[in-house]
C-alpha atoms as a PDB file:
ATOM      1  CA  MET A   1      70.826 129.711 111.722  1.00  0.00           C
ATOM      2  CA  THR A   2      68.243 129.253 109.134  1.00  0.00           C
ATOM      3  CA  SER A   3      64.660 129.533 109.910  1.00  0.00           C
ATOM      4  CA  VAL A   4      61.486 128.180 108.470  1.00  0.00           C
ATOM      5  CA  THR A   5      58.012 130.024 109.629  1.00  0.00           C
ATOM      6  CA  THR A   6      54.629 130.984 108.819  1.00  0.00           C
ATOM      7  CA  ASP A   7      54.955 134.240 110.347  1.00  0.00           C
ATOM      8  CA  ALA A   8      55.536 136.911 107.520  1.00  0.00           C
ATOM      9  CA  GLU A   9      56.830 139.378 110.023  1.00  0.00           C
ATOM     10  CA  LEU A  10      59.253 137.218 111.529  1.00  0.00           C
ATOM     11  CA  PHE A  11      60.488 136.068 108.109  1.00  0.00           C
ATOM     12  CA  ALA A  12      60.427 139.904 107.136  1.00  0.00           C
ATOM     13  CA  GLY A  13      62.951 140.489 109.908  1.00  0.00           C
ATOM     14  CA  LEU A  14      65.157 137.827 109.074  1.00  0.00           C
ATOM     15  CA  LEU A  15      65.471 139.831 105.440  1.00  0.00           C
ATOM     16  CA  PRO A  16      66.214 143.320 107.146  1.00  0.00           C
ATOM     17  CA  ASP A  17      67.673 144.576 103.794  1.00  0.00           C
ATOM     18  CA  GLY A  18      65.011 142.860 101.631  1.00  0.00           C
ATOM     19  CA  GLY A  19      66.199 141.307  98.515  1.00  0.00           C
ATOM     20  CA  ARG A  20      64.823 138.936  95.881  1.00  0.00           C
ATOM     21  CA  LEU A  21      62.718 136.187  96.770  1.00  0.00           C
ATOM     22  CA  LEU A  22      62.020 132.775  95.447  1.00  0.00           C
ATOM     23  CA  GLY A  23      58.575 131.436  95.526  1.00  0.00           C
ATOM     24  CA  LEU A  24      57.688 127.594  95.144  1.00  0.00           C
ATOM     25  CA  ASP A  25      54.815 125.543  94.490  1.00  0.00           C
ATOM     26  CA  ILE A  26      56.150 121.911  95.667  1.00  0.00           C
ATOM     27  CA  GLY A  27      54.083 119.299  93.949  1.00  0.00           C
ATOM     28  CA  THR A  28      54.779 115.645  93.745  1.00  0.00           C
ATOM     29  CA  ARG A  29      56.104 115.576  89.986  1.00  0.00           C
ATOM     30  CA  THR A  30      57.276 119.190  89.558  1.00  0.00           C
ATOM     31  CA  ILE A  31      58.278 122.292  91.454  1.00  0.00           C
ATOM     32  CA  GLY A  32      56.862 125.502  90.029  1.00  0.00           C
ATOM     33  CA  LEU A  33      59.461 128.457  90.516  1.00  0.00           C
ATOM     34  CA  ALA A  34      58.800 132.243  90.403  1.00  0.00           C
ATOM     35  CA  THR A  35      60.906 134.977  91.702  1.00  0.00           C
ATOM     36  CA  ALA A  36      60.082 138.567  93.225  1.00  0.00           C
ATOM     37  CA  SER A  37      61.745 141.757  92.467  1.00  0.00           C
ATOM     38  CA  ALA A  38      64.315 143.248  95.068  1.00  0.00           C
ATOM     39  CA  ASP A  39      61.679 145.854  96.085  1.00  0.00           C
ATOM     40  CA  TRP A  40      59.021 143.151  96.548  1.00  0.00           C
ATOM     41  CA  ARG A  41      56.542 144.835  94.127  1.00  0.00           C
ATOM     42  CA  PHE A  42      55.968 142.213  91.846  1.00  0.00           C
ATOM     43  CA  ALA A  43      56.160 138.390  91.100  1.00  0.00           C
ATOM     44  CA  THR A  44      57.355 136.682  87.903  1.00  0.00           C
ATOM     45  CA  ALA A  45      56.665 133.022  87.113  1.00  0.00           C
ATOM     46  CA  ARG A  46      59.909 131.510  85.856  1.00  0.00           C
ATOM     47  CA  ASP A  47      60.002 127.593  85.077  1.00  0.00           C
ATOM     48  CA  THR A  48      58.806 124.318  86.340  1.00  0.00           C
ATOM     49  CA  LEU A  49      61.311 122.098  87.642  1.00  0.00           C
ATOM     50  CA  LYS A  50      60.790 118.451  87.058  1.00  0.00           C
ATOM     51  CA  ARG A  51      61.285 116.433  90.269  1.00  0.00           C
ATOM     52  CA  SER A  52      64.246 113.911  90.673  1.00  0.00           C
ATOM     53  CA  LYS A  53      65.785 112.617  93.748  1.00  0.00           C
ATOM     54  CA  PRO A  54      65.337 115.106  96.621  1.00  0.00           C
ATOM     55  CA  SER A  55      69.049 115.932  96.760  1.00  0.00           C
ATOM     56  CA  ALA A  56      69.112 116.983  93.120  1.00  0.00           C
ATOM     57  CA  ASP A  57      66.052 118.972  93.737  1.00  0.00           C
ATOM     58  CA  MET A  58      67.681 120.915  96.447  1.00  0.00           C
ATOM     59  CA  ALA A  59      70.771 121.517  94.698  1.00  0.00           C
ATOM     60  CA  ALA A  60      68.895 122.832  91.579  1.00  0.00           C
ATOM     61  CA  ILE A  61      67.054 125.310  93.824  1.00  0.00           C
ATOM     62  CA  ALA A  62      70.162 126.233  95.639  1.00  0.00           C
ATOM     63  CA  ALA A  63      72.228 127.012  92.411  1.00  0.00           C
ATOM     64  CA  LEU A  64      69.276 129.016  91.214  1.00  0.00           C
ATOM     65  CA  ALA A  65      68.955 131.176  94.594  1.00  0.00           C
ATOM     66  CA  ASP A  66      72.654 131.792  94.256  1.00  0.00           C
ATOM     67  CA  ALA A  67      72.691 132.600  90.589  1.00  0.00           C
ATOM     68  CA  GLU A  68      69.477 135.149  91.298  1.00  0.00           C
ATOM     69  CA  GLY A  69      70.889 136.624  94.357  1.00  0.00           C
ATOM     70  CA  ILE A  70      67.783 135.360  96.275  1.00  0.00           C
ATOM     71  CA  THR A  71      67.644 136.272  99.942  1.00  0.00           C
ATOM     72  CA  GLY A  72      64.403 134.117 101.068  1.00  0.00           C
ATOM     73  CA  LEU A  73      62.223 131.606  99.788  1.00  0.00           C
ATOM     74  CA  VAL A  74      58.354 131.591 100.114  1.00  0.00           C
ATOM     75  CA  ILE A  75      56.850 127.853  99.687  1.00  0.00           C
ATOM     76  CA  GLY A  76      53.222 127.143  99.363  1.00  0.00           C
ATOM     77  CA  LEU A  77      51.957 125.187 102.304  1.00  0.00           C
ATOM     78  CA  PRO A  78      49.128 122.868 101.076  1.00  0.00           C
ATOM     79  CA  LEU A  79      46.932 123.046 104.126  1.00  0.00           C
ATOM     80  CA  SER A  80      43.441 121.164 104.021  1.00  0.00           C
ATOM     81  CA  MET A  81      40.342 123.141 103.322  1.00  0.00           C
ATOM     82  CA  ASP A  82      39.580 123.430 107.100  1.00  0.00           C
ATOM     83  CA  GLY A  83      43.197 124.685 107.625  1.00  0.00           C
ATOM     84  CA  SER A  84      44.563 121.637 109.268  1.00  0.00           C
ATOM     85  CA  ASP A  85      47.831 119.780 107.926  1.00  0.00           C
ATOM     86  CA  SER A  86      47.650 116.546 105.987  1.00  0.00           C
ATOM     87  CA  GLU A  87      50.420 114.080 104.774  1.00  0.00           C
ATOM     88  CA  ARG A  88      51.261 116.331 101.779  1.00  0.00           C
ATOM     89  CA  THR A  89      51.272 119.400 104.268  1.00  0.00           C
ATOM     90  CA  GLN A  90      53.832 117.439 106.481  1.00  0.00           C
ATOM     91  CA  SER A  91      55.790 116.360 103.571  1.00  0.00           C
ATOM     92  CA  VAL A  92      56.249 120.272 102.245  1.00  0.00           C
ATOM     93  CA  ARG A  93      57.153 121.179 105.808  1.00  0.00           C
ATOM     94  CA  ALA A  94      59.853 118.852 105.680  1.00  0.00           C
ATOM     95  CA  GLN A  95      61.169 119.821 102.210  1.00  0.00           C
ATOM     96  CA  ALA A  96      60.807 123.513 103.583  1.00  0.00           C
ATOM     97  CA  ARG A  97      63.247 122.459 106.256  1.00  0.00           C
ATOM     98  CA  ASN A  98      65.538 120.818 103.968  1.00  0.00           C
ATOM     99  CA  LEU A  99      65.646 123.663 101.684  1.00  0.00           C
ATOM    100  CA  ALA A 100      66.506 126.084 104.187  1.00  0.00           C
ATOM    101  CA  LYS A 101      69.466 124.088 105.312  1.00  0.00           C
ATOM    102  CA  ALA A 102      70.449 123.499 101.836  1.00  0.00           C
ATOM    103  CA  THR A 103      70.271 127.189 100.679  1.00  0.00           C
ATOM    104  CA  GLY A 104      71.141 128.687 103.912  1.00  0.00           C
ATOM    105  CA  ARG A 105      68.164 131.067 103.503  1.00  0.00           C
ATOM    106  CA  PRO A 106      64.902 131.945 105.615  1.00  0.00           C
ATOM    107  CA  VAL A 107      61.676 130.232 104.215  1.00  0.00           C
ATOM    108  CA  LEU A 108      58.198 131.421 104.610  1.00  0.00           C
ATOM    109  CA  LEU A 109      55.359 128.848 104.428  1.00  0.00           C
ATOM    110  CA  TRP A 110      52.295 130.540 102.788  1.00  0.00           C
ATOM    111  CA  ASP A 111      48.963 129.058 102.551  1.00  0.00           C
ATOM    112  CA  GLU A 112      48.203 127.882  98.977  1.00  0.00           C
ATOM    113  CA  ARG A 113      44.778 126.467  99.541  1.00  0.00           C
ATOM    114  CA  TRP A 114      43.418 128.400  96.415  1.00  0.00           C
ATOM    115  CA  SER A 115      46.299 129.058  94.209  1.00  0.00           C
ATOM    116  CA  THR A 116      45.997 126.380  91.682  1.00  0.00           C
ATOM    117  CA  VAL A 117      42.128 126.864  91.510  1.00  0.00           C
ATOM    118  CA  ALA A 118      42.763 130.689  91.078  1.00  0.00           C
ATOM    119  CA  VAL A 119      45.386 130.205  88.379  1.00  0.00           C
ATOM    120  CA  GLU A 120      43.527 127.616  86.515  1.00  0.00           C
ATOM    121  CA  ARG A 121      40.383 129.850  86.287  1.00  0.00           C
ATOM    122  CA  ALA A 122      42.601 132.672  84.859  1.00  0.00           C
ATOM    123  CA  MET A 123      44.145 130.630  82.331  1.00  0.00           C
ATOM    124  CA  LEU A 124      40.720 129.296  81.268  1.00  0.00           C
ATOM    125  CA  GLU A 125      39.376 132.675  81.000  1.00  0.00           C
ATOM    126  CA  ALA A 126      42.485 133.416  78.753  1.00  0.00           C
ATOM    127  CA  ASP A 127      41.300 130.594  76.659  1.00  0.00           C
ATOM    128  CA  LEU A 128      44.900 128.673  76.829  1.00  0.00           C
ATOM    129  CA  SER A 129      44.638 125.388  75.475  1.00  0.00           C
ATOM    130  CA  ARG A 130      44.876 122.308  77.720  1.00  0.00           C
ATOM    131  CA  ALA A 131      48.576 121.625  76.958  1.00  0.00           C
ATOM    132  CA  LYS A 132      49.457 125.317  78.015  1.00  0.00           C
ATOM    133  CA  ARG A 133      47.787 125.120  80.934  1.00  0.00           C
ATOM    134  CA  ALA A 134      49.373 121.983  82.131  1.00  0.00           C
ATOM    135  CA  ASP A 135      53.082 123.516  81.284  1.00  0.00           C
ATOM    136  CA  ARG A 136      52.402 126.648  83.014  1.00  0.00           C
ATOM    137  CA  VAL A 137      50.217 126.102  86.043  1.00  0.00           C
ATOM    138  CA  ASP A 138      52.990 125.231  88.428  1.00  0.00           C
ATOM    139  CA  ALA A 139      54.976 128.238  87.813  1.00  0.00           C
ATOM    140  CA  LEU A 140      51.965 130.533  87.700  1.00  0.00           C
ATOM    141  CA  ALA A 141      50.939 128.959  91.155  1.00  0.00           C
ATOM    142  CA  ALA A 142      54.242 129.713  92.472  1.00  0.00           C
ATOM    143  CA  ALA A 143      53.811 133.399  91.260  1.00  0.00           C
ATOM    144  CA  HIS A 144      50.224 133.609  92.969  1.00  0.00           C
ATOM    145  CA  ILE A 145      51.644 132.312  96.050  1.00  0.00           C
ATOM    146  CA  LEU A 146      54.512 134.674  96.089  1.00  0.00           C
ATOM    147  CA  GLU A 147      52.195 137.544  95.443  1.00  0.00           C
ATOM    148  CA  GLY A 148      50.120 136.626  98.238  1.00  0.00           C
ATOM    149  CA  ALA A 149      53.122 136.682 100.411  1.00  0.00           C
ATOM    150  CA  LEU A 150      54.368 139.922  98.823  1.00  0.00           C
ATOM    151  CA  ALA A 151      51.056 141.884  99.872  1.00  0.00           C
ATOM    152  CA  ARG A 152      51.481 140.702 103.313  1.00  0.00           C
ATOM    153  CA  LEU A 153      55.139 141.957 103.392  1.00  0.00           C
ATOM    154  CA  ALA A 154      54.159 145.252 102.015  1.00  0.00           C
ATOM    155  CA  ARG A 155      51.740 145.684 104.547  1.00  0.00           C
ATOM    156  CA  ILE A 156      54.408 144.960 107.386  1.00  0.00           C
ATOM    157  CA  GLY A 157      56.734 147.515 105.721  1.00  0.00           C
ATOM    158  CA  THR A 158      53.966 150.040 105.947  1.00  0.00           C
ATOM    159  CA  GLY A 159      52.970 149.095 109.624  1.00  0.00           C
ATOM    160  CA  ALA A 160      49.177 148.019 108.453  1.00  0.00           C
END
């Protein structure tokens, strides 16, 4: 049975042998993708998947997960600033359930409230052009989300 959770400890327990993770920043027009190393030490921004039909999106993500040996997914959860759910949050939760079924892998939903802001700020500081920022922001946001989850997973592994 596949699982969708916000509990990092439960998620880690579903992956007893670790393995590579896939981070996703699910937007309305694109899905940012990032992968984590098998030792969960670092995340790398990958591509941005242009959204199409939900079934095609699920198939593309499942194919990537299979090709990359992914054992679990970390999906950014767009909570409202007060921590409550919104329509967008409910949509991402539904997509997470569908992805868990489509990929056969557990899903960790990770609070992403500040991910895009942090990434955009870093890109501005790096003096990237508007076009380059637009092209990379979703994949970099996915990496930022994944890095946050990796930090928490590392603390679980050390008992902290």
